Amino acid sequence: MTPTAPLPTGKILAEIPISATDSLAATSVTAPPSLAERLAQILSSSVTARTVYGEAVSRDGVTVIPVARAMYGFGGGSGTGPNAQGGTGGGGGVTLSPMGFIELKEGSSRFRPIRNSVVPLVAVSGVVALLLLRSVPMLLKRR
């Protein structure tokens, strides 16, 4: 492992080389990246919070840096039919969702999460709807 740079936490970031040994030649060779690894490299460098939500914004001594969660999914397959007909297919997708922002102010930083207020609203609405539905038969019996 080759140390490169200390992280803010004091831990050392290290590079771990990926290699395979050719037992016949007794030499070490570096394995080329797979298609999935190449796609991950391309997407991770092009789909960022900055790409989707913009650059950091500074105003009145406060800098706001957007933070997002990226999720990637890929799949593929191939097969052969009874008449030796073959086929392949694949697909993938990327989803970015806002998680919050980092606020830099007066020499300190603070992560501010973005809360999803829809989930509690749906839960409360469901309880209210259930109570209303349960009370309708009682109201109809009284008439």
N, C-alpha and C. Protein backbone atom coordinates (compact mmCIF):
# COMPACT_ATOMS: atom_id res chain seq x y z
N MET A 1 0.84 -1.17 0.00
CA MET A 1 0.00 0.00 0.00
C MET A 1 0.89 1.23 0.00
N THR A 2 0.54 2.18 -0.84
CA THR A 2 1.32 3.40 -0.98
C THR A 2 0.56 4.57 -0.38
N PRO A 3 1.04 5.17 0.73
CA PRO A 3 0.33 6.32 1.29
C PRO A 3 0.40 7.50 0.34
N THR A 4 -0.71 8.24 0.24
CA THR A 4 -0.73 9.38 -0.67
C THR A 4 -0.95 10.69 0.06
N ALA A 5 -2.05 10.83 0.79
CA ALA A 5 -2.33 12.10 1.44
C ALA A 5 -3.17 11.85 2.69
N PRO A 6 -2.93 12.62 3.77
CA PRO A 6 -3.75 12.44 4.96
C PRO A 6 -5.14 13.02 4.74
N LEU A 7 -6.15 12.33 5.27
CA LEU A 7 -7.51 12.84 5.24
C LEU A 7 -7.69 13.80 6.41
N PRO A 8 -8.74 14.62 6.39
CA PRO A 8 -8.97 15.53 7.51
C PRO A 8 -9.10 14.81 8.84
N THR A 9 -9.47 13.54 8.85
CA THR A 9 -9.62 12.78 10.10
C THR A 9 -8.27 12.31 10.63
N GLY A 10 -7.20 12.50 9.86
CA GLY A 10 -5.89 12.05 10.28
C GLY A 10 -5.54 10.68 9.73
N LYS A 11 -6.49 10.00 9.08
CA LYS A 11 -6.22 8.70 8.48
C LYS A 11 -5.44 8.88 7.19
N ILE A 12 -4.73 7.85 6.79
CA ILE A 12 -3.94 7.89 5.56
C ILE A 12 -4.74 7.24 4.44
N LEU A 13 -4.87 7.96 3.34
CA LEU A 13 -5.51 7.42 2.15
C LEU A 13 -4.46 6.58 1.43
N ALA A 14 -4.81 5.37 1.03
CA ALA A 14 -3.83 4.47 0.41
C ALA A 14 -4.35 3.96 -0.92
N GLU A 15 -3.42 3.71 -1.83
CA GLU A 15 -3.74 3.09 -3.11
C GLU A 15 -3.43 1.61 -3.00
N ILE A 16 -4.35 0.79 -3.47
CA ILE A 16 -4.13 -0.66 -3.48
C ILE A 16 -4.09 -1.10 -4.94
N PRO A 17 -2.91 -1.43 -5.47
CA PRO A 17 -2.83 -1.85 -6.88
C PRO A 17 -3.49 -3.22 -7.07
N ILE A 18 -4.21 -3.36 -8.17
CA ILE A 18 -4.84 -4.63 -8.52
C ILE A 18 -3.95 -5.30 -9.55
N SER A 19 -3.50 -6.51 -9.25
CA SER A 19 -2.64 -7.21 -10.20
C SER A 19 -2.91 -8.71 -10.12
N ALA A 20 -2.50 -9.40 -11.16
CA ALA A 20 -2.64 -10.85 -11.22
C ALA A 20 -1.28 -11.44 -11.56
N THR A 21 -0.98 -12.59 -11.03
CA THR A 21 0.32 -13.23 -11.29
C THR A 21 0.14 -14.34 -12.31
N ASP A 22 0.95 -14.28 -13.35
CA ASP A 22 0.98 -15.32 -14.38
C ASP A 22 1.88 -16.43 -13.84
N SER A 23 1.30 -17.57 -13.46
CA SER A 23 2.09 -18.63 -12.83
C SER A 23 3.13 -19.23 -13.78
N LEU A 24 2.86 -19.22 -15.09
CA LEU A 24 3.82 -19.79 -16.04
C LEU A 24 5.05 -18.90 -16.18
N ALA A 25 4.83 -17.62 -16.29
CA ALA A 25 5.96 -16.71 -16.50
C ALA A 25 6.49 -16.16 -15.18
N ALA A 26 5.75 -16.39 -14.07
CA ALA A 26 6.14 -15.89 -12.75
C ALA A 26 6.36 -14.39 -12.76
N THR A 27 5.51 -13.68 -13.50
CA THR A 27 5.59 -12.23 -13.53
C THR A 27 4.25 -11.64 -13.12
N SER A 28 4.29 -10.44 -12.65
CA SER A 28 3.07 -9.76 -12.23
C SER A 28 2.58 -8.87 -13.36
N VAL A 29 1.30 -9.00 -13.69
CA VAL A 29 0.70 -8.17 -14.74
C VAL A 29 -0.50 -7.44 -14.16
N THR A 30 -0.72 -6.25 -14.61
CA THR A 30 -1.86 -5.47 -14.16
C THR A 30 -3.06 -5.81 -15.02
N ALA A 31 -4.18 -6.15 -14.38
CA ALA A 31 -5.39 -6.52 -15.11
C ALA A 31 -6.06 -5.27 -15.67
N PRO A 32 -6.50 -5.31 -16.93
CA PRO A 32 -7.20 -4.16 -17.50
C PRO A 32 -8.57 -4.02 -16.83
N PRO A 33 -9.07 -2.79 -16.72
CA PRO A 33 -10.37 -2.62 -16.08
C PRO A 33 -11.48 -3.26 -16.91
N SER A 34 -12.45 -3.84 -16.22
CA SER A 34 -13.59 -4.46 -16.90
C SER A 34 -14.52 -3.37 -17.42
N LEU A 35 -15.50 -3.78 -18.21
CA LEU A 35 -16.48 -2.83 -18.73
C LEU A 35 -17.21 -2.13 -17.59
N ALA A 36 -17.60 -2.89 -16.57
CA ALA A 36 -18.30 -2.31 -15.43
C ALA A 36 -17.43 -1.29 -14.71
N GLU A 37 -16.14 -1.59 -14.54
CA GLU A 37 -15.23 -0.66 -13.88
C GLU A 37 -15.05 0.61 -14.71
N ARG A 38 -14.95 0.45 -16.03
CA ARG A 38 -14.81 1.64 -16.88
C ARG A 38 -16.06 2.50 -16.83
N LEU A 39 -17.25 1.88 -16.87
CA LEU A 39 -18.50 2.64 -16.77
C LEU A 39 -18.58 3.35 -15.43
N ALA A 40 -18.21 2.67 -14.35
CA ALA A 40 -18.24 3.29 -13.03
C ALA A 40 -17.30 4.48 -12.96
N GLN A 41 -16.11 4.38 -13.56
CA GLN A 41 -15.17 5.49 -13.57
C GLN A 41 -15.74 6.68 -14.33
N ILE A 42 -16.31 6.42 -15.50
CA ILE A 42 -16.87 7.50 -16.32
C ILE A 42 -18.03 8.17 -15.60
N LEU A 43 -18.95 7.36 -15.07
CA LEU A 43 -20.12 7.93 -14.41
C LEU A 43 -19.77 8.65 -13.12
N SER A 44 -18.84 8.10 -12.34
CA SER A 44 -18.50 8.74 -11.08
C SER A 44 -17.81 10.08 -11.29
N SER A 45 -17.15 10.25 -12.41
CA SER A 45 -16.51 11.53 -12.66
C SER A 45 -17.44 12.52 -13.35
N SER A 46 -18.50 12.03 -13.99
CA SER A 46 -19.38 12.96 -14.71
C SER A 46 -20.69 13.23 -13.99
N VAL A 47 -21.17 12.31 -13.18
CA VAL A 47 -22.43 12.52 -12.45
C VAL A 47 -22.09 12.82 -11.00
N THR A 48 -22.02 14.10 -10.69
CA THR A 48 -21.70 14.54 -9.34
C THR A 48 -22.75 15.54 -8.87
N ALA A 49 -22.71 15.86 -7.60
CA ALA A 49 -23.64 16.87 -7.07
C ALA A 49 -23.43 18.19 -7.81
N ARG A 50 -22.19 18.50 -8.13
CA ARG A 50 -21.90 19.75 -8.85
C ARG A 50 -22.52 19.74 -10.24
N THR A 51 -22.46 18.60 -10.92
CA THR A 51 -23.03 18.50 -12.27
C THR A 51 -24.53 18.72 -12.24
N VAL A 52 -25.21 18.15 -11.26
CA VAL A 52 -26.66 18.19 -11.21
C VAL A 52 -27.18 19.45 -10.51
N TYR A 53 -26.59 19.82 -9.39
CA TYR A 53 -27.12 20.91 -8.58
C TYR A 53 -26.33 22.21 -8.68
N GLY A 54 -25.20 22.19 -9.37
CA GLY A 54 -24.44 23.42 -9.57
C GLY A 54 -23.24 23.53 -8.65
N GLU A 55 -22.51 24.61 -8.86
CA GLU A 55 -21.30 24.88 -8.08
C GLU A 55 -21.66 25.37 -6.68
N ALA A 56 -20.66 25.39 -5.82
CA ALA A 56 -20.83 25.96 -4.49
C ALA A 56 -21.16 27.45 -4.63
N VAL A 57 -21.95 27.96 -3.71
CA VAL A 57 -22.38 29.36 -3.75
C VAL A 57 -21.85 30.06 -2.51
N SER A 58 -21.25 31.25 -2.71
CA SER A 58 -20.75 32.05 -1.59
C SER A 58 -21.46 33.39 -1.56
N ARG A 59 -21.91 33.77 -0.37
CA ARG A 59 -22.56 35.07 -0.19
C ARG A 59 -22.47 35.47 1.27
N ASP A 60 -22.09 36.71 1.51
CA ASP A 60 -22.02 37.28 2.86
C ASP A 60 -21.18 36.42 3.81
N GLY A 61 -20.06 35.90 3.34
CA GLY A 61 -19.16 35.12 4.19
C GLY A 61 -19.57 33.68 4.43
N VAL A 62 -20.63 33.23 3.77
CA VAL A 62 -21.10 31.85 3.94
C VAL A 62 -20.99 31.14 2.58
N THR A 63 -20.39 29.96 2.58
CA THR A 63 -20.30 29.15 1.36
C THR A 63 -21.16 27.91 1.56
N VAL A 64 -21.98 27.60 0.56
CA VAL A 64 -22.86 26.43 0.60
C VAL A 64 -22.43 25.48 -0.52
N ILE A 65 -22.13 24.23 -0.14
CA ILE A 65 -21.71 23.19 -1.09
C ILE A 65 -22.79 22.11 -1.13
N PRO A 66 -23.40 21.85 -2.30
CA PRO A 66 -24.45 20.82 -2.36
C PRO A 66 -23.88 19.41 -2.17
N VAL A 67 -24.67 18.55 -1.52
CA VAL A 67 -24.30 17.16 -1.28
C VAL A 67 -25.43 16.28 -1.81
N ALA A 68 -25.08 15.26 -2.58
CA ALA A 68 -26.09 14.38 -3.17
C ALA A 68 -25.70 12.92 -2.97
N ARG A 69 -26.70 12.05 -3.01
CA ARG A 69 -26.46 10.60 -2.98
C ARG A 69 -26.62 10.09 -4.40
N ALA A 70 -25.60 9.37 -4.87
CA ALA A 70 -25.66 8.79 -6.22
C ALA A 70 -25.85 7.29 -6.10
N MET A 71 -26.77 6.76 -6.89
CA MET A 71 -27.01 5.32 -6.93
C MET A 71 -26.94 4.87 -8.38
N TYR A 72 -26.15 3.84 -8.62
CA TYR A 72 -25.95 3.30 -9.96
C TYR A 72 -26.47 1.87 -9.99
N GLY A 73 -27.03 1.47 -11.12
CA GLY A 73 -27.46 0.09 -11.28
C GLY A 73 -27.26 -0.36 -12.72
N PHE A 74 -26.72 -1.55 -12.89
CA PHE A 74 -26.46 -2.08 -14.22
C PHE A 74 -26.83 -3.55 -14.25
N GLY A 75 -27.19 -4.03 -15.41
CA GLY A 75 -27.47 -5.44 -15.57
C GLY A 75 -27.29 -5.85 -17.02
N GLY A 76 -27.10 -7.10 -17.22
CA GLY A 76 -26.93 -7.60 -18.59
C GLY A 76 -27.04 -9.10 -18.61
N GLY A 77 -27.17 -9.61 -19.81
CA GLY A 77 -27.25 -11.05 -19.95
C GLY A 77 -27.17 -11.47 -21.39
N SER A 78 -27.02 -12.76 -21.58
CA SER A 78 -26.98 -13.31 -22.93
C SER A 78 -27.52 -14.73 -22.87
N GLY A 79 -27.89 -15.24 -24.02
CA GLY A 79 -28.41 -16.59 -24.07
C GLY A 79 -28.49 -17.10 -25.49
N THR A 80 -28.74 -18.39 -25.59
CA THR A 80 -28.86 -19.04 -26.88
C THR A 80 -30.18 -19.81 -26.92
N GLY A 81 -30.92 -19.65 -28.02
CA GLY A 81 -32.19 -20.34 -28.19
C GLY A 81 -32.00 -21.74 -28.73
N PRO A 82 -33.11 -22.46 -28.94
CA PRO A 82 -33.03 -23.85 -29.42
C PRO A 82 -32.46 -23.96 -30.84
N ASN A 83 -32.56 -22.93 -31.64
CA ASN A 83 -32.04 -22.97 -33.02
C ASN A 83 -30.69 -22.29 -33.12
N ALA A 84 -29.93 -22.30 -32.05
CA ALA A 84 -28.61 -21.67 -31.99
C ALA A 84 -28.66 -20.17 -32.24
N GLN A 85 -29.83 -19.58 -32.01
CA GLN A 85 -29.93 -18.12 -32.11
C GLN A 85 -29.55 -17.54 -30.76
N GLY A 86 -28.68 -16.57 -30.80
CA GLY A 86 -28.23 -15.96 -29.55
C GLY A 86 -28.66 -14.52 -29.44
N GLY A 87 -28.63 -14.03 -28.25
CA GLY A 87 -28.96 -12.64 -28.03
C GLY A 87 -28.31 -12.13 -26.76
N THR A 88 -28.08 -10.86 -26.74
CA THR A 88 -27.52 -10.22 -25.56
C THR A 88 -28.28 -8.94 -25.29
N GLY A 89 -28.20 -8.48 -24.07
CA GLY A 89 -28.86 -7.23 -23.73
C GLY A 89 -28.32 -6.70 -22.42
N GLY A 90 -28.57 -5.46 -22.22
CA GLY A 90 -28.11 -4.85 -20.98
C GLY A 90 -28.70 -3.48 -20.81
N GLY A 91 -28.54 -2.95 -19.63
CA GLY A 91 -29.06 -1.62 -19.36
C GLY A 91 -28.51 -1.12 -18.04
N GLY A 92 -28.79 0.12 -17.79
CA GLY A 92 -28.31 0.70 -16.54
C GLY A 92 -28.97 2.04 -16.29
N GLY A 93 -28.73 2.55 -15.12
CA GLY A 93 -29.30 3.84 -14.78
C GLY A 93 -28.57 4.47 -13.61
N VAL A 94 -28.78 5.76 -13.47
CA VAL A 94 -28.17 6.54 -12.40
C VAL A 94 -29.25 7.41 -11.78
N THR A 95 -29.27 7.48 -10.46
CA THR A 95 -30.19 8.36 -9.75
C THR A 95 -29.39 9.22 -8.79
N LEU A 96 -29.63 10.51 -8.82
CA LEU A 96 -29.02 11.43 -7.87
C LEU A 96 -30.13 12.09 -7.08
N SER A 97 -30.01 12.11 -5.77
CA SER A 97 -31.01 12.77 -4.95
C SER A 97 -30.31 13.69 -3.95
N PRO A 98 -30.89 14.85 -3.70
CA PRO A 98 -30.26 15.79 -2.77
C PRO A 98 -30.29 15.25 -1.34
N MET A 99 -29.17 15.36 -0.65
CA MET A 99 -29.09 14.90 0.74
C MET A 99 -28.98 16.08 1.70
N GLY A 100 -28.42 17.17 1.22
CA GLY A 100 -28.22 18.33 2.07
C GLY A 100 -27.16 19.23 1.49
N PHE A 101 -26.53 19.99 2.38
CA PHE A 101 -25.45 20.87 1.94
C PHE A 101 -24.49 21.08 3.09
N ILE A 102 -23.26 21.43 2.73
CA ILE A 102 -22.24 21.76 3.71
C ILE A 102 -22.16 23.27 3.77
N GLU A 103 -22.27 23.81 4.96
CA GLU A 103 -22.22 25.25 5.16
C GLU A 103 -20.86 25.60 5.76
N LEU A 104 -20.09 26.41 5.06
CA LEU A 104 -18.80 26.88 5.55
C LEU A 104 -18.98 28.32 6.01
N LYS A 105 -18.73 28.56 7.30
CA LYS A 105 -18.98 29.89 7.86
C LYS A 105 -18.01 30.14 9.00
N GLU A 106 -17.31 31.25 8.94
CA GLU A 106 -16.39 31.69 9.99
C GLU A 106 -15.40 30.60 10.38
N GLY A 107 -14.83 29.92 9.40
CA GLY A 107 -13.79 28.93 9.65
C GLY A 107 -14.29 27.57 10.12
N SER A 108 -15.59 27.36 10.16
CA SER A 108 -16.12 26.06 10.57
C SER A 108 -17.07 25.53 9.50
N SER A 109 -17.31 24.23 9.55
CA SER A 109 -18.22 23.62 8.58
C SER A 109 -19.31 22.86 9.32
N ARG A 110 -20.47 22.77 8.65
CA ARG A 110 -21.60 22.06 9.24
C ARG A 110 -22.43 21.46 8.11
N PHE A 111 -22.77 20.18 8.27
CA PHE A 111 -23.64 19.53 7.29
C PHE A 111 -25.08 19.80 7.68
N ARG A 112 -25.86 20.27 6.72
CA ARG A 112 -27.28 20.56 6.94
C ARG A 112 -28.08 19.59 6.07
N PRO A 113 -28.74 18.60 6.67
CA PRO A 113 -29.52 17.65 5.86
C PRO A 113 -30.79 18.28 5.32
N ILE A 114 -31.23 17.80 4.17
CA ILE A 114 -32.51 18.20 3.61
C ILE A 114 -33.49 17.10 4.00
N ARG A 115 -34.47 17.46 4.77
CA ARG A 115 -35.46 16.49 5.25
C ARG A 115 -36.55 16.31 4.20
N ASN A 116 -37.01 15.07 4.03
CA ASN A 116 -38.10 14.78 3.11
C ASN A 116 -39.39 14.87 3.89
N SER A 117 -40.12 15.96 3.73
CA SER A 117 -41.34 16.18 4.51
C SER A 117 -42.53 15.43 3.94
N VAL A 118 -42.40 14.80 2.80
CA VAL A 118 -43.52 14.08 2.18
C VAL A 118 -43.85 12.81 2.97
N VAL A 119 -42.87 12.10 3.46
CA VAL A 119 -43.10 10.83 4.15
C VAL A 119 -43.95 11.02 5.41
N PRO A 120 -43.62 11.95 6.32
CA PRO A 120 -44.50 12.15 7.48
C PRO A 120 -45.89 12.64 7.08
N LEU A 121 -45.98 13.45 6.04
CA LEU A 121 -47.27 13.96 5.59
C LEU A 121 -48.16 12.82 5.09
N VAL A 122 -47.59 11.88 4.36
CA VAL A 122 -48.35 10.73 3.87
C VAL A 122 -48.81 9.86 5.04
N ALA A 123 -47.94 9.67 6.03
CA ALA A 123 -48.31 8.85 7.19
C ALA A 123 -49.47 9.48 7.96
N VAL A 124 -49.40 10.78 8.20
CA VAL A 124 -50.47 11.48 8.92
C VAL A 124 -51.76 11.45 8.10
N SER A 125 -51.65 11.66 6.80
CA SER A 125 -52.83 11.62 5.94
C SER A 125 -53.49 10.25 5.96
N GLY A 126 -52.70 9.20 6.00
CA GLY A 126 -53.24 7.84 6.06
C GLY A 126 -54.02 7.60 7.35
N VAL A 127 -53.49 8.07 8.47
CA VAL A 127 -54.17 7.90 9.76
C VAL A 127 -55.48 8.68 9.76
N VAL A 128 -55.47 9.91 9.27
CA VAL A 128 -56.68 10.73 9.20
C VAL A 128 -57.72 10.06 8.30
N ALA A 129 -57.30 9.56 7.16
CA ALA A 129 -58.23 8.89 6.24
C ALA A 129 -58.83 7.65 6.89
N LEU A 130 -58.03 6.88 7.60
CA LEU A 130 -58.53 5.69 8.29
C LEU A 130 -59.58 6.06 9.33
N LEU A 131 -59.31 7.09 10.12
CA LEU A 131 -60.27 7.53 11.14
C LEU A 131 -61.56 8.01 10.50
N LEU A 132 -61.46 8.74 9.41
CA LEU A 132 -62.66 9.22 8.72
C LEU A 132 -63.48 8.05 8.17
N LEU A 133 -62.81 7.08 7.57
CA LEU A 133 -63.52 5.93 7.01
C LEU A 133 -64.21 5.10 8.10
N ARG A 134 -63.59 5.00 9.25
CA ARG A 134 -64.19 4.25 10.35
C ARG A 134 -65.39 4.98 10.93
N SER A 135 -65.40 6.31 10.86
CA SER A 135 -66.50 7.07 11.46
C SER A 135 -67.71 7.17 10.53
N VAL A 136 -67.55 6.96 9.23
CA VAL A 136 -68.67 7.08 8.28
C VAL A 136 -69.80 6.10 8.60
N PRO A 137 -69.53 4.81 8.82
CA PRO A 137 -70.64 3.89 9.14
C PRO A 137 -71.37 4.28 10.43
N MET A 138 -70.64 4.77 11.43
CA MET A 138 -71.29 5.19 12.67
C MET A 138 -72.21 6.39 12.44
N LEU A 139 -71.78 7.31 11.60
CA LEU A 139 -72.60 8.48 11.30
C LEU A 139 -73.84 8.08 10.51
N LEU A 140 -73.73 7.12 9.61
CA LEU A 140 -74.87 6.66 8.83
C LEU A 140 -75.88 5.90 9.69
N LYS A 141 -75.43 5.17 10.71
CA LYS A 141 -76.33 4.43 11.60
C LYS A 141 -77.17 5.38 12.45
N ARG A 142 -76.64 6.53 12.80
CA ARG A 142 -77.34 7.50 13.63
C ARG A 142 -78.51 8.12 12.90
N ARG A 143 -78.54 8.13 11.61
CA ARG A 143 -79.61 8.78 10.85
C ARG A 143 -80.76 7.91 10.69
